[in-house]
Amino acid sequence: MLRAIGISKGTYRKRKKQGVPLDAPKYQTKKITVDGVIYSSIKEYCLSVGIKRSGYKYRAEKGFKVSRYRRPVEYNGEKYPSINALARALGLTRAKARALLGL
């Protein structure tokens, strides 16, 4: 029976104990809203802004704004999507790029 549903014995026991239907999806993603945009999961949001999930979790747990990851910067008349992008383009470390901008 369990093989037909595609779940393990441990999953079966856990679902029975918690009252979850046996045919429920294995993983349920949590929808999040950031700056008025709805994302189907934290992973989708992280991929769209170019950060790691651990960075998102850290900021969320500490109570920091999670929407302020990429701040556009301008250097010598050229615009960059973030300080990291500027650093990569110039072959600098992030700290040196921040120093160039006076941050």
N, C-alpha and C. Protein backbone atom coordinates (compact mmCIF):
# COMPACT_ATOMS: atom_id res chain seq x y z
N MET A 1 0.82 -1.20 0.00
CA MET A 1 0.00 0.00 0.00
C MET A 1 0.86 1.26 0.00
N LEU A 2 1.86 1.29 0.87
CA LEU A 2 2.71 2.47 0.98
C LEU A 2 3.49 2.71 -0.30
N ARG A 3 3.93 1.61 -0.92
CA ARG A 3 4.69 1.73 -2.17
C ARG A 3 3.82 2.34 -3.26
N ALA A 4 2.55 2.00 -3.28
CA ALA A 4 1.63 2.54 -4.29
C ALA A 4 1.46 4.05 -4.11
N ILE A 5 1.45 4.50 -2.87
CA ILE A 5 1.31 5.94 -2.59
C ILE A 5 2.64 6.65 -2.78
N GLY A 6 3.74 5.93 -2.57
CA GLY A 6 5.06 6.50 -2.75
C GLY A 6 5.62 7.15 -1.50
N ILE A 7 5.27 6.58 -0.33
CA ILE A 7 5.81 7.11 0.93
C ILE A 7 6.46 5.99 1.72
N SER A 8 7.34 6.38 2.63
CA SER A 8 8.03 5.39 3.47
C SER A 8 7.20 5.08 4.71
N LYS A 9 7.64 4.06 5.46
CA LYS A 9 6.95 3.71 6.70
C LYS A 9 7.01 4.87 7.70
N GLY A 10 8.16 5.51 7.77
CA GLY A 10 8.32 6.63 8.69
C GLY A 10 7.38 7.78 8.36
N THR A 11 7.25 8.08 7.06
CA THR A 11 6.32 9.13 6.62
C THR A 11 4.89 8.73 6.94
N TYR A 12 4.56 7.44 6.74
CA TYR A 12 3.23 6.94 7.05
C TYR A 12 2.89 7.16 8.53
N ARG A 13 3.82 6.75 9.39
CA ARG A 13 3.59 6.90 10.83
C ARG A 13 3.43 8.37 11.22
N LYS A 14 4.29 9.21 10.66
CA LYS A 14 4.25 10.64 10.99
C LYS A 14 2.92 11.26 10.55
N ARG A 15 2.47 10.91 9.36
CA ARG A 15 1.20 11.46 8.87
C ARG A 15 0.02 10.96 9.69
N LYS A 16 0.04 9.69 10.06
CA LYS A 16 -1.04 9.16 10.89
C LYS A 16 -1.09 9.87 12.23
N LYS A 17 0.08 10.07 12.84
CA LYS A 17 0.18 10.72 14.14
C LYS A 17 -0.30 12.17 14.08
N GLN A 18 0.04 12.88 12.98
CA GLN A 18 -0.33 14.28 12.85
C GLN A 18 -1.69 14.50 12.19
N GLY A 19 -2.30 13.42 11.73
CA GLY A 19 -3.61 13.53 11.11
C GLY A 19 -3.57 14.08 9.69
N VAL A 20 -2.43 13.93 9.03
CA VAL A 20 -2.27 14.41 7.65
C VAL A 20 -2.72 13.31 6.70
N PRO A 21 -3.47 13.65 5.63
CA PRO A 21 -3.90 12.62 4.67
C PRO A 21 -2.69 11.92 4.04
N LEU A 22 -2.84 10.63 3.80
CA LEU A 22 -1.73 9.86 3.23
C LEU A 22 -1.36 10.31 1.82
N ASP A 23 -2.32 10.82 1.08
CA ASP A 23 -2.03 11.24 -0.30
C ASP A 23 -1.62 12.71 -0.40
N ALA A 24 -1.33 13.33 0.72
CA ALA A 24 -0.89 14.74 0.71
C ALA A 24 0.47 14.83 0.02
N PRO A 25 0.77 15.98 -0.61
CA PRO A 25 2.08 16.11 -1.27
C PRO A 25 3.21 15.98 -0.25
N LYS A 26 4.35 15.48 -0.73
CA LYS A 26 5.48 15.26 0.17
C LYS A 26 5.97 16.57 0.78
N TYR A 27 6.06 17.58 -0.04
CA TYR A 27 6.57 18.86 0.44
C TYR A 27 5.55 19.95 0.16
N GLN A 28 5.30 20.77 1.14
CA GLN A 28 4.40 21.89 0.95
C GLN A 28 5.21 23.17 1.10
N THR A 29 5.21 23.98 0.04
CA THR A 29 5.98 25.21 0.09
C THR A 29 5.13 26.33 0.67
N LYS A 30 5.80 27.25 1.32
CA LYS A 30 5.13 28.38 1.94
C LYS A 30 5.23 29.59 1.02
N LYS A 31 4.09 30.14 0.64
CA LYS A 31 4.11 31.34 -0.20
C LYS A 31 4.54 32.53 0.63
N ILE A 32 5.36 33.39 0.05
CA ILE A 32 5.80 34.59 0.75
C ILE A 32 5.55 35.82 -0.12
N THR A 33 5.37 36.95 0.51
CA THR A 33 5.18 38.22 -0.19
C THR A 33 6.29 39.17 0.22
N VAL A 34 7.01 39.68 -0.77
CA VAL A 34 8.08 40.64 -0.52
C VAL A 34 7.85 41.83 -1.43
N ASP A 35 7.73 43.00 -0.85
CA ASP A 35 7.48 44.25 -1.60
C ASP A 35 6.27 44.13 -2.52
N GLY A 36 5.23 43.46 -2.07
CA GLY A 36 4.00 43.34 -2.85
C GLY A 36 4.02 42.26 -3.92
N VAL A 37 5.13 41.56 -4.07
CA VAL A 37 5.24 40.48 -5.06
C VAL A 37 5.10 39.16 -4.32
N ILE A 38 4.23 38.29 -4.83
CA ILE A 38 4.00 36.98 -4.21
C ILE A 38 4.91 35.95 -4.89
N TYR A 39 5.67 35.24 -4.09
CA TYR A 39 6.54 34.17 -4.58
C TYR A 39 5.98 32.85 -4.07
N SER A 40 6.10 31.80 -4.89
CA SER A 40 5.52 30.52 -4.51
C SER A 40 6.33 29.82 -3.41
N SER A 41 7.58 30.25 -3.21
CA SER A 41 8.40 29.65 -2.16
C SER A 41 9.56 30.58 -1.83
N ILE A 42 10.21 30.28 -0.72
CA ILE A 42 11.40 31.04 -0.34
C ILE A 42 12.50 30.80 -1.38
N LYS A 43 12.59 29.59 -1.87
CA LYS A 43 13.59 29.26 -2.88
C LYS A 43 13.40 30.10 -4.14
N GLU A 44 12.17 30.25 -4.58
CA GLU A 44 11.90 31.05 -5.77
C GLU A 44 12.33 32.50 -5.56
N TYR A 45 12.03 33.05 -4.38
CA TYR A 45 12.43 34.42 -4.08
C TYR A 45 13.95 34.54 -4.09
N CYS A 46 14.63 33.62 -3.42
CA CYS A 46 16.09 33.68 -3.34
C CYS A 46 16.72 33.60 -4.72
N LEU A 47 16.20 32.74 -5.58
CA LEU A 47 16.72 32.64 -6.94
C LEU A 47 16.49 33.92 -7.73
N SER A 48 15.35 34.58 -7.50
CA SER A 48 15.04 35.79 -8.26
C SER A 48 15.91 36.97 -7.87
N VAL A 49 16.36 37.02 -6.61
CA VAL A 49 17.20 38.14 -6.19
C VAL A 49 18.67 37.75 -6.09
N GLY A 50 18.99 36.48 -6.32
CA GLY A 50 20.37 36.05 -6.36
C GLY A 50 21.05 35.91 -5.01
N ILE A 51 20.36 35.36 -4.04
CA ILE A 51 20.96 35.13 -2.73
C ILE A 51 20.78 33.67 -2.34
N LYS A 52 21.51 33.27 -1.32
CA LYS A 52 21.36 31.91 -0.81
C LYS A 52 20.20 31.88 0.18
N ARG A 53 19.60 30.71 0.29
CA ARG A 53 18.48 30.55 1.22
C ARG A 53 18.92 30.79 2.65
N SER A 54 20.16 30.40 2.97
CA SER A 54 20.66 30.60 4.33
C SER A 54 20.74 32.10 4.66
N GLY A 55 21.08 32.92 3.67
CA GLY A 55 21.13 34.37 3.88
C GLY A 55 19.75 34.93 4.16
N TYR A 56 18.76 34.43 3.43
CA TYR A 56 17.38 34.85 3.66
C TYR A 56 16.94 34.47 5.07
N LYS A 57 17.20 33.20 5.44
CA LYS A 57 16.78 32.72 6.76
C LYS A 57 17.44 33.52 7.87
N TYR A 58 18.73 33.80 7.72
CA TYR A 58 19.46 34.56 8.74
C TYR A 58 18.82 35.93 8.93
N ARG A 59 18.58 36.63 7.83
CA ARG A 59 18.00 37.97 7.92
C ARG A 59 16.59 37.92 8.50
N ALA A 60 15.80 36.94 8.10
CA ALA A 60 14.43 36.83 8.60
C ALA A 60 14.42 36.54 10.10
N GLU A 61 15.30 35.65 10.55
CA GLU A 61 15.35 35.30 11.96
C GLU A 61 15.83 36.47 12.83
N LYS A 62 16.74 37.28 12.29
CA LYS A 62 17.27 38.42 13.04
C LYS A 62 16.33 39.62 12.99
N GLY A 63 15.30 39.54 12.16
CA GLY A 63 14.33 40.63 12.07
C GLY A 63 14.73 41.71 11.09
N PHE A 64 15.74 41.44 10.25
CA PHE A 64 16.14 42.41 9.23
C PHE A 64 15.16 42.37 8.07
N LYS A 65 15.14 43.43 7.30
CA LYS A 65 14.32 43.44 6.09
C LYS A 65 14.88 42.41 5.12
N VAL A 66 14.04 41.59 4.59
CA VAL A 66 14.51 40.59 3.63
C VAL A 66 14.46 41.12 2.20
N SER A 67 13.83 42.26 2.00
CA SER A 67 13.69 42.78 0.65
C SER A 67 14.85 43.67 0.24
N ARG A 68 15.76 43.99 1.14
CA ARG A 68 16.82 44.93 0.84
C ARG A 68 18.15 44.23 0.57
N TYR A 69 18.15 43.30 -0.36
CA TYR A 69 19.37 42.57 -0.64
C TYR A 69 20.22 43.29 -1.67
N ARG A 70 19.65 43.65 -2.75
CA ARG A 70 20.41 44.28 -3.83
C ARG A 70 20.08 45.76 -3.89
N ARG A 71 21.07 46.55 -3.64
CA ARG A 71 20.89 47.99 -3.74
C ARG A 71 21.66 48.46 -4.96
N PRO A 72 21.00 49.04 -5.95
CA PRO A 72 21.71 49.51 -7.14
C PRO A 72 22.72 50.59 -6.76
N VAL A 73 23.89 50.53 -7.38
CA VAL A 73 24.93 51.53 -7.14
C VAL A 73 25.42 52.07 -8.47
N GLU A 74 26.02 53.25 -8.42
CA GLU A 74 26.56 53.87 -9.62
C GLU A 74 28.01 54.24 -9.35
N TYR A 75 28.89 53.93 -10.30
CA TYR A 75 30.31 54.25 -10.17
C TYR A 75 30.83 54.68 -11.53
N ASN A 76 31.42 55.85 -11.59
CA ASN A 76 31.95 56.43 -12.84
C ASN A 76 30.89 56.47 -13.94
N GLY A 77 29.67 56.82 -13.57
CA GLY A 77 28.58 56.95 -14.54
C GLY A 77 27.97 55.64 -14.99
N GLU A 78 28.47 54.53 -14.48
CA GLU A 78 27.93 53.23 -14.86
C GLU A 78 27.11 52.67 -13.70
N LYS A 79 25.96 52.10 -14.02
CA LYS A 79 25.08 51.55 -12.98
C LYS A 79 25.31 50.05 -12.84
N TYR A 80 25.29 49.60 -11.58
CA TYR A 80 25.45 48.18 -11.25
C TYR A 80 24.29 47.77 -10.35
N PRO A 81 23.80 46.53 -10.48
CA PRO A 81 22.65 46.11 -9.66
C PRO A 81 22.97 45.97 -8.18
N SER A 82 24.26 45.82 -7.84
CA SER A 82 24.63 45.65 -6.43
C SER A 82 26.11 45.97 -6.25
N ILE A 83 26.53 46.07 -5.00
CA ILE A 83 27.94 46.29 -4.69
C ILE A 83 28.75 45.08 -5.14
N ASN A 84 28.21 43.90 -4.97
CA ASN A 84 28.91 42.69 -5.40
C ASN A 84 29.14 42.68 -6.90
N ALA A 85 28.15 43.13 -7.68
CA ALA A 85 28.30 43.19 -9.13
C ALA A 85 29.40 44.18 -9.51
N LEU A 86 29.46 45.31 -8.83
CA LEU A 86 30.52 46.29 -9.05
C LEU A 86 31.88 45.68 -8.74
N ALA A 87 31.98 45.01 -7.61
CA ALA A 87 33.24 44.39 -7.20
C ALA A 87 33.70 43.36 -8.23
N ARG A 88 32.77 42.54 -8.71
CA ARG A 88 33.12 41.52 -9.71
C ARG A 88 33.59 42.16 -11.01
N ALA A 89 32.89 43.22 -11.44
CA ALA A 89 33.22 43.88 -12.70
C ALA A 89 34.61 44.54 -12.64
N LEU A 90 34.98 45.05 -11.49
CA LEU A 90 36.27 45.73 -11.35
C LEU A 90 37.37 44.82 -10.82
N GLY A 91 37.02 43.59 -10.47
CA GLY A 91 37.99 42.64 -9.95
C GLY A 91 38.47 42.99 -8.55
N LEU A 92 37.56 43.52 -7.74
CA LEU A 92 37.88 43.93 -6.38
C LEU A 92 37.15 43.05 -5.37
N THR A 93 37.56 43.17 -4.12
CA THR A 93 36.79 42.53 -3.06
C THR A 93 35.59 43.42 -2.76
N ARG A 94 34.61 42.86 -2.09
CA ARG A 94 33.42 43.64 -1.75
C ARG A 94 33.77 44.82 -0.84
N ALA A 95 34.69 44.60 0.09
CA ALA A 95 35.11 45.66 1.01
C ALA A 95 35.76 46.82 0.26
N LYS A 96 36.59 46.51 -0.72
CA LYS A 96 37.25 47.57 -1.51
C LYS A 96 36.24 48.33 -2.37
N ALA A 97 35.24 47.61 -2.89
CA ALA A 97 34.20 48.26 -3.68
C ALA A 97 33.39 49.21 -2.80
N ARG A 98 33.09 48.79 -1.58
CA ARG A 98 32.37 49.66 -0.64
C ARG A 98 33.20 50.89 -0.33
N ALA A 99 34.51 50.72 -0.16
CA ALA A 99 35.39 51.85 0.13
C ALA A 99 35.43 52.82 -1.05
N LEU A 100 35.42 52.30 -2.27
CA LEU A 100 35.38 53.17 -3.45
C LEU A 100 34.14 54.05 -3.46
N LEU A 101 33.04 53.47 -3.01
CA LEU A 101 31.77 54.20 -3.01
C LEU A 101 31.63 55.08 -1.78
N GLY A 102 32.52 54.93 -0.84
CA GLY A 102 32.45 55.72 0.39
C GLY A 102 31.41 55.22 1.36
N LEU A 103 31.15 53.94 1.34
CA LEU A 103 30.14 53.36 2.24
C LEU A 103 30.79 52.75 3.46
